[in-house]
Amino acid sequence: MKKAERRNITQPPDWWREFELQANRDGVDLSGWVGECCRANLTDAIAARLSFRTPRGRPRRHVGGKKKT
């Protein structure tokens, strides 16, 4: 499974400003805020099947150099 997928979501600029302001008030980034809003509108059964949302940024490098496979 992919780690993340980009989608182009079109909304009026004033909507995006308000979305960003609310995300900041909630202490999350815009992507996470939009995802949680969408997830909140799913049924409990479907939401329970969703994969874990990885944190923002690059994954941390394995301590001690490269990770052995």
Protein backbone atom coordinates (compact mmCIF):
# COMPACT_ATOMS: atom_id res chain seq x y z
CA MET A 1 0.00 0.00 0.00
CA LYS A 2 1.19 3.52 -0.76
CA LYS A 3 2.14 5.73 2.18
CA ALA A 4 0.15 8.68 0.84
CA GLU A 5 -1.73 9.76 -2.24
CA ARG A 6 -2.17 13.31 -3.47
CA ARG A 7 -5.54 14.52 -4.68
CA ASN A 8 -6.54 17.83 -6.20
CA ILE A 9 -9.48 19.20 -4.21
CA THR A 10 -11.00 22.40 -5.53
CA GLN A 11 -12.80 24.80 -3.19
CA PRO A 12 -13.14 28.61 -3.18
CA PRO A 13 -10.16 30.49 -1.66
CA ASP A 14 -12.20 31.82 1.27
CA TRP A 15 -13.10 28.24 2.21
CA TRP A 16 -9.41 27.25 2.26
CA ARG A 17 -8.55 30.22 4.49
CA GLU A 18 -11.21 29.17 6.99
CA PHE A 19 -10.16 25.51 6.81
CA GLU A 20 -6.54 26.49 7.52
CA LEU A 21 -7.53 28.76 10.40
CA GLN A 22 -9.60 26.01 12.01
CA ALA A 23 -6.83 23.43 11.52
CA ASN A 24 -4.40 25.81 13.24
CA ARG A 25 -6.84 26.35 16.12
CA ASP A 26 -7.13 22.56 16.45
CA GLY A 27 -3.33 22.22 16.42
CA VAL A 28 -3.08 20.04 13.31
CA ASP A 29 -1.94 20.53 9.74
CA LEU A 30 -4.52 21.12 7.01
CA SER A 31 -4.11 17.66 5.51
CA GLY A 32 -4.76 15.96 8.83
CA TRP A 33 -7.72 18.23 9.56
CA VAL A 34 -9.36 17.52 6.19
CA GLY A 35 -8.74 13.80 6.66
CA GLU A 36 -10.36 13.81 10.10
CA CYS A 37 -13.36 15.73 8.79
CA CYS A 38 -13.82 13.17 6.02
CA ARG A 39 -13.27 10.25 8.41
CA ALA A 40 -15.89 11.66 10.80
CA ASN A 41 -18.50 11.32 8.04
CA LEU A 42 -17.89 7.59 7.53
CA THR A 43 -19.82 4.89 9.32
CA ASP A 44 -18.06 3.45 12.38
CA ALA A 45 -17.55 0.11 10.61
CA ILE A 46 -15.81 1.71 7.63
CA ALA A 47 -13.75 4.11 9.77
CA ALA A 48 -12.50 1.16 11.84
CA ARG A 49 -11.06 -0.48 8.69
CA LEU A 50 -8.97 2.54 7.68
CA SER A 51 -5.21 2.33 7.89
CA PHE A 52 -3.22 4.40 10.37
CA ARG A 53 -2.34 7.90 9.12
CA THR A 54 1.42 8.29 9.15
CA PRO A 55 2.78 11.40 10.87
CA ARG A 56 3.83 14.45 8.90
CA GLY A 57 7.36 14.58 7.47
CA ARG A 58 9.97 12.04 6.52
CA PRO A 59 10.23 8.84 8.53
CA ARG A 60 13.01 8.77 11.10
CA ARG A 61 16.19 7.03 10.10
CA HIS A 62 16.92 3.76 11.87
CA VAL A 63 19.39 4.20 14.73
CA GLY A 64 22.78 2.74 13.92
CA GLY A 65 22.77 3.42 10.18
CA LYS A 66 20.83 1.66 7.49
CA LYS A 67 18.07 -0.71 8.44
CA LYS A 68 18.96 -4.33 7.71
CA THR A 69 16.56 -6.29 5.53
